[in-house]
Amino acid sequence: MITKDMTIGEVVNADSSKAQILMSFGMGCVGCPSAQAETIAEAATVHGLKLDDLLEALNK
């Protein structure tokens, strides 16, 4: 289960198919070094996304 406190790096390293989901939400730089250390919650805030919607998509 993916949580808001996991980093983008953790999520993508655990399941590389999640990168496509993140990109579909407008996160084009999921492989960038700074993005790797960003939590899902931080990324949602930076990109103006609803955290619950993002987590729901990532956990399908």
PDB file of N, CA and C in Angstrom:
ATOM      1  N   MET A   1       0.840  -1.186   0.000  1.00  0.00           N
ATOM      2  CA  MET A   1       0.000   0.000   0.000  1.00  0.00           C
ATOM      3  C   MET A   1       0.885   1.250   0.000  1.00  0.00           C
ATOM      4  N   ILE A   2       0.571   2.141  -0.881  1.00  0.00           N
ATOM      5  CA  ILE A   2       1.312   3.387  -0.998  1.00  0.00           C
ATOM      6  C   ILE A   2       0.679   4.413  -0.066  1.00  0.00           C
ATOM      7  N   THR A   3       1.533   5.100   0.701  1.00  0.00           N
ATOM      8  CA  THR A   3       1.056   6.109   1.648  1.00  0.00           C
ATOM      9  C   THR A   3       1.607   7.481   1.288  1.00  0.00           C
ATOM     10  N   LYS A   4       1.041   8.511   1.899  1.00  0.00           N
ATOM     11  CA  LYS A   4       1.443   9.890   1.625  1.00  0.00           C
ATOM     12  C   LYS A   4       2.877  10.169   2.058  1.00  0.00           C
ATOM     13  N   ASP A   5       3.411   9.375   2.968  1.00  0.00           N
ATOM     14  CA  ASP A   5       4.748   9.608   3.494  1.00  0.00           C
ATOM     15  C   ASP A   5       5.846   8.899   2.709  1.00  0.00           C
ATOM     16  N   MET A   6       5.468   8.075   1.747  1.00  0.00           N
ATOM     17  CA  MET A   6       6.463   7.406   0.906  1.00  0.00           C
ATOM     18  C   MET A   6       7.027   8.406  -0.095  1.00  0.00           C
ATOM     19  N   THR A   7       8.299   8.230  -0.447  1.00  0.00           N
ATOM     20  CA  THR A   7       8.885   9.110  -1.457  1.00  0.00           C
ATOM     21  C   THR A   7       8.548   8.594  -2.850  1.00  0.00           C
ATOM     22  N   ILE A   8       8.644   9.490  -3.811  1.00  0.00           N
ATOM     23  CA  ILE A   8       8.425   9.092  -5.203  1.00  0.00           C
ATOM     24  C   ILE A   8       9.425   8.003  -5.574  1.00  0.00           C
ATOM     25  N   GLY A   9      10.653   8.150  -5.120  1.00  0.00           N
ATOM     26  CA  GLY A   9      11.672   7.141  -5.388  1.00  0.00           C
ATOM     27  C   GLY A   9      11.285   5.771  -4.868  1.00  0.00           C
ATOM     28  N   GLU A  10      10.768   5.703  -3.649  1.00  0.00           N
ATOM     29  CA  GLU A  10      10.337   4.427  -3.072  1.00  0.00           C
ATOM     30  C   GLU A  10       9.218   3.804  -3.895  1.00  0.00           C
ATOM     31  N   VAL A  11       8.266   4.631  -4.285  1.00  0.00           N
ATOM     32  CA  VAL A  11       7.110   4.138  -5.041  1.00  0.00           C
ATOM     33  C   VAL A  11       7.549   3.584  -6.391  1.00  0.00           C
ATOM     34  N   VAL A  12       8.350   4.348  -7.119  1.00  0.00           N
ATOM     35  CA  VAL A  12       8.772   3.944  -8.465  1.00  0.00           C
ATOM     36  C   VAL A  12       9.739   2.766  -8.409  1.00  0.00           C
ATOM     37  N   ASN A  13      10.606   2.732  -7.398  1.00  0.00           N
ATOM     38  CA  ASN A  13      11.532   1.603  -7.273  1.00  0.00           C
ATOM     39  C   ASN A  13      10.800   0.310  -6.933  1.00  0.00           C
ATOM     40  N   ALA A  14       9.714   0.410  -6.175  1.00  0.00           N
ATOM     41  CA  ALA A  14       8.931  -0.775  -5.816  1.00  0.00           C
ATOM     42  C   ALA A  14       8.106  -1.282  -6.991  1.00  0.00           C
ATOM     43  N   ASP A  15       7.632  -0.364  -7.835  1.00  0.00           N
ATOM     44  CA  ASP A  15       6.796  -0.739  -8.985  1.00  0.00           C
ATOM     45  C   ASP A  15       6.932   0.340 -10.052  1.00  0.00           C
ATOM     46  N   SER A  16       7.746   0.067 -11.048  1.00  0.00           N
ATOM     47  CA  SER A  16       8.039   1.082 -12.072  1.00  0.00           C
ATOM     48  C   SER A  16       6.806   1.510 -12.865  1.00  0.00           C
ATOM     49  N   SER A  17       5.747   0.702 -12.866  1.00  0.00           N
ATOM     50  CA  SER A  17       4.532   1.094 -13.588  1.00  0.00           C
ATOM     51  C   SER A  17       3.839   2.287 -12.925  1.00  0.00           C
ATOM     52  N   LYS A  18       4.172   2.554 -11.673  1.00  0.00           N
ATOM     53  CA  LYS A  18       3.572   3.694 -10.968  1.00  0.00           C
ATOM     54  C   LYS A  18       4.061   5.018 -11.547  1.00  0.00           C
ATOM     55  N   ALA A  19       5.203   5.025 -12.219  1.00  0.00           N
ATOM     56  CA  ALA A  19       5.717   6.254 -12.838  1.00  0.00           C
ATOM     57  C   ALA A  19       4.722   6.786 -13.861  1.00  0.00           C
ATOM     58  N   GLN A  20       4.103   5.904 -14.613  1.00  0.00           N
ATOM     59  CA  GLN A  20       3.116   6.321 -15.616  1.00  0.00           C
ATOM     60  C   GLN A  20       1.911   6.991 -14.957  1.00  0.00           C
ATOM     61  N   ILE A  21       1.493   6.475 -13.821  1.00  0.00           N
ATOM     62  CA  ILE A  21       0.372   7.077 -13.090  1.00  0.00           C
ATOM     63  C   ILE A  21       0.758   8.467 -12.600  1.00  0.00           C
ATOM     64  N   LEU A  22       1.950   8.586 -12.031  1.00  0.00           N
ATOM     65  CA  LEU A  22       2.413   9.891 -11.561  1.00  0.00           C
ATOM     66  C   LEU A  22       2.478  10.886 -12.719  1.00  0.00           C
ATOM     67  N   MET A  23       2.978  10.447 -13.858  1.00  0.00           N
ATOM     68  CA  MET A  23       3.070  11.332 -15.020  1.00  0.00           C
ATOM     69  C   MET A  23       1.685  11.725 -15.525  1.00  0.00           C
ATOM     70  N   SER A  24       0.716  10.822 -15.406  1.00  0.00           N
ATOM     71  CA  SER A  24      -0.641  11.156 -15.852  1.00  0.00           C
ATOM     72  C   SER A  24      -1.269  12.249 -14.985  1.00  0.00           C
ATOM     73  N   PHE A  25      -0.723  12.443 -13.790  1.00  0.00           N
ATOM     74  CA  PHE A  25      -1.175  13.509 -12.902  1.00  0.00           C
ATOM     75  C   PHE A  25      -0.360  14.789 -13.098  1.00  0.00           C
ATOM     76  N   GLY A  26       0.507  14.808 -14.107  1.00  0.00           N
ATOM     77  CA  GLY A  26       1.273  16.013 -14.410  1.00  0.00           C
ATOM     78  C   GLY A  26       2.652  16.072 -13.787  1.00  0.00           C
ATOM     79  N   MET A  27       3.090  14.965 -13.224  1.00  0.00           N
ATOM     80  CA  MET A  27       4.428  14.920 -12.632  1.00  0.00           C
ATOM     81  C   MET A  27       5.400  14.383 -13.671  1.00  0.00           C
ATOM     82  N   GLY A  28       5.910  15.271 -14.497  1.00  0.00           N
ATOM     83  CA  GLY A  28       6.750  14.861 -15.612  1.00  0.00           C
ATOM     84  C   GLY A  28       8.168  14.504 -15.252  1.00  0.00           C
ATOM     85  N   CYS A  29       8.582  14.809 -14.043  1.00  0.00           N
ATOM     86  CA  CYS A  29       9.984  14.609 -13.682  1.00  0.00           C
ATOM     87  C   CYS A  29      10.137  13.586 -12.557  1.00  0.00           C
ATOM     88  N   VAL A  30       9.451  12.465 -12.682  1.00  0.00           N
ATOM     89  CA  VAL A  30       9.501  11.460 -11.612  1.00  0.00           C
ATOM     90  C   VAL A  30      10.888  10.850 -11.448  1.00  0.00           C
ATOM     91  N   GLY A  31      11.732  10.963 -12.465  1.00  0.00           N
ATOM     92  CA  GLY A  31      13.079  10.418 -12.375  1.00  0.00           C
ATOM     93  C   GLY A  31      14.128  11.417 -11.940  1.00  0.00           C
ATOM     94  N   CYS A  32      13.757  12.679 -11.790  1.00  0.00           N
ATOM     95  CA  CYS A  32      14.714  13.717 -11.389  1.00  0.00           C
ATOM     96  C   CYS A  32      15.200  13.458  -9.960  1.00  0.00           C
ATOM     97  N   PRO A  33      16.469  13.771  -9.688  1.00  0.00           N
ATOM     98  CA  PRO A  33      16.999  13.538  -8.336  1.00  0.00           C
ATOM     99  C   PRO A  33      16.181  14.206  -7.230  1.00  0.00           C
ATOM    100  N   SER A  34      15.740  15.431  -7.436  1.00  0.00           N
ATOM    101  CA  SER A  34      14.973  16.107  -6.383  1.00  0.00           C
ATOM    102  C   SER A  34      13.620  15.442  -6.171  1.00  0.00           C
ATOM    103  N   ALA A  35      13.010  14.957  -7.233  1.00  0.00           N
ATOM    104  CA  ALA A  35      11.706  14.300  -7.121  1.00  0.00           C
ATOM    105  C   ALA A  35      11.824  12.968  -6.390  1.00  0.00           C
ATOM    106  N   GLN A  36      12.949  12.308  -6.511  1.00  0.00           N
ATOM    107  CA  GLN A  36      13.136  11.009  -5.874  1.00  0.00           C
ATOM    108  C   GLN A  36      12.992  11.081  -4.356  1.00  0.00           C
ATOM    109  N   ALA A  37      13.361  12.213  -3.765  1.00  0.00           N
ATOM    110  CA  ALA A  37      13.314  12.363  -2.312  1.00  0.00           C
ATOM    111  C   ALA A  37      12.033  13.032  -1.829  1.00  0.00           C
ATOM    112  N   GLU A  38      11.176  13.436  -2.753  1.00  0.00           N
ATOM    113  CA  GLU A  38       9.930  14.127  -2.411  1.00  0.00           C
ATOM    114  C   GLU A  38       8.865  13.102  -2.026  1.00  0.00           C
ATOM    115  N   THR A  39       8.116  13.374  -0.958  1.00  0.00           N
ATOM    116  CA  THR A  39       7.045  12.451  -0.579  1.00  0.00           C
ATOM    117  C   THR A  39       5.847  12.640  -1.505  1.00  0.00           C
ATOM    118  N   ILE A  40       4.974  11.667  -1.496  1.00  0.00           N
ATOM    119  CA  ILE A  40       3.752  11.751  -2.297  1.00  0.00           C
ATOM    120  C   ILE A  40       2.935  12.967  -1.860  1.00  0.00           C
ATOM    121  N   ALA A  41       2.869  13.219  -0.555  1.00  0.00           N
ATOM    122  CA  ALA A  41       2.123  14.380  -0.050  1.00  0.00           C
ATOM    123  C   ALA A  41       2.745  15.682  -0.538  1.00  0.00           C
ATOM    124  N   GLU A  42       4.073  15.781  -0.485  1.00  0.00           N
ATOM    125  CA  GLU A  42       4.753  16.992  -0.960  1.00  0.00           C
ATOM    126  C   GLU A  42       4.523  17.194  -2.449  1.00  0.00           C
ATOM    127  N   ALA A  43       4.611  16.121  -3.206  1.00  0.00           N
ATOM    128  CA  ALA A  43       4.414  16.208  -4.655  1.00  0.00           C
ATOM    129  C   ALA A  43       2.996  16.658  -4.986  1.00  0.00           C
ATOM    130  N   ALA A  44       2.022  16.143  -4.264  1.00  0.00           N
ATOM    131  CA  ALA A  44       0.633  16.544  -4.495  1.00  0.00           C
ATOM    132  C   ALA A  44       0.462  18.037  -4.231  1.00  0.00           C
ATOM    133  N   THR A  45       1.064  18.520  -3.168  1.00  0.00           N
ATOM    134  CA  THR A  45       0.978  19.944  -2.830  1.00  0.00           C
ATOM    135  C   THR A  45       1.637  20.801  -3.899  1.00  0.00           C
ATOM    136  N   VAL A  46       2.851  20.440  -4.302  1.00  0.00           N
ATOM    137  CA  VAL A  46       3.600  21.206  -5.305  1.00  0.00           C
ATOM    138  C   VAL A  46       2.835  21.279  -6.624  1.00  0.00           C
ATOM    139  N   HIS A  47       2.165  20.193  -6.979  1.00  0.00           N
ATOM    140  CA  HIS A  47       1.468  20.122  -8.265  1.00  0.00           C
ATOM    141  C   HIS A  47      -0.008  20.501  -8.167  1.00  0.00           C
ATOM    142  N   GLY A  48      -0.451  20.919  -6.984  1.00  0.00           N
ATOM    143  CA  GLY A  48      -1.837  21.350  -6.813  1.00  0.00           C
ATOM    144  C   GLY A  48      -2.848  20.236  -6.988  1.00  0.00           C
ATOM    145  N   LEU A  49      -2.472  19.035  -6.555  1.00  0.00           N
ATOM    146  CA  LEU A  49      -3.339  17.866  -6.715  1.00  0.00           C
ATOM    147  C   LEU A  49      -4.042  17.516  -5.413  1.00  0.00           C
ATOM    148  N   LYS A  50      -5.155  16.817  -5.541  1.00  0.00           N
ATOM    149  CA  LYS A  50      -5.841  16.284  -4.368  1.00  0.00           C
ATOM    150  C   LYS A  50      -5.118  15.000  -3.970  1.00  0.00           C
ATOM    151  N   LEU A  51      -4.577  14.998  -2.769  1.00  0.00           N
ATOM    152  CA  LEU A  51      -3.799  13.861  -2.294  1.00  0.00           C
ATOM    153  C   LEU A  51      -4.604  12.569  -2.333  1.00  0.00           C
ATOM    154  N   ASP A  52      -5.857  12.612  -1.914  1.00  0.00           N
ATOM    155  CA  ASP A  52      -6.683  11.398  -1.890  1.00  0.00           C
ATOM    156  C   ASP A  52      -6.856  10.805  -3.285  1.00  0.00           C
ATOM    157  N   ASP A  53      -7.030  11.670  -4.293  1.00  0.00           N
ATOM    158  CA  ASP A  53      -7.186  11.184  -5.670  1.00  0.00           C
ATOM    159  C   ASP A  53      -5.910  10.506  -6.152  1.00  0.00           C
ATOM    160  N   LEU A  54      -4.771  11.114  -5.835  1.00  0.00           N
ATOM    161  CA  LEU A  54      -3.486  10.555  -6.247  1.00  0.00           C
ATOM    162  C   LEU A  54      -3.245   9.206  -5.574  1.00  0.00           C
ATOM    163  N   LEU A  55      -3.474   9.139  -4.276  1.00  0.00           N
ATOM    164  CA  LEU A  55      -3.273   7.878  -3.555  1.00  0.00           C
ATOM    165  C   LEU A  55      -4.212   6.784  -4.050  1.00  0.00           C
ATOM    166  N   GLU A  56      -5.443   7.147  -4.340  1.00  0.00           N
ATOM    167  CA  GLU A  56      -6.398   6.159  -4.860  1.00  0.00           C
ATOM    168  C   GLU A  56      -5.892   5.571  -6.175  1.00  0.00           C
ATOM    169  N   ALA A  57      -5.405   6.417  -7.062  1.00  0.00           N
ATOM    170  CA  ALA A  57      -4.895   5.943  -8.354  1.00  0.00           C
ATOM    171  C   ALA A  57      -3.654   5.076  -8.177  1.00  0.00           C
ATOM    172  N   LEU A  58      -2.770   5.470  -7.282  1.00  0.00           N
ATOM    173  CA  LEU A  58      -1.539   4.709  -7.068  1.00  0.00           C
ATOM    174  C   LEU A  58      -1.796   3.362  -6.409  1.00  0.00           C
ATOM    175  N   ASN A  59      -2.855   3.257  -5.643  1.00  0.00           N
ATOM    176  CA  ASN A  59      -3.142   2.014  -4.923  1.00  0.00           C
ATOM    177  C   ASN A  59      -4.105   1.083  -5.648  1.00  0.00           C
ATOM    178  N   LYS A  60      -4.479   1.406  -6.885  1.00  0.00           N
ATOM    179  CA  LYS A  60      -5.360   0.511  -7.652  1.00  0.00           C
ATOM    180  C   LYS A  60      -4.587  -0.689  -8.113  1.00  0.00           C
TER     181      LYS A  60
END
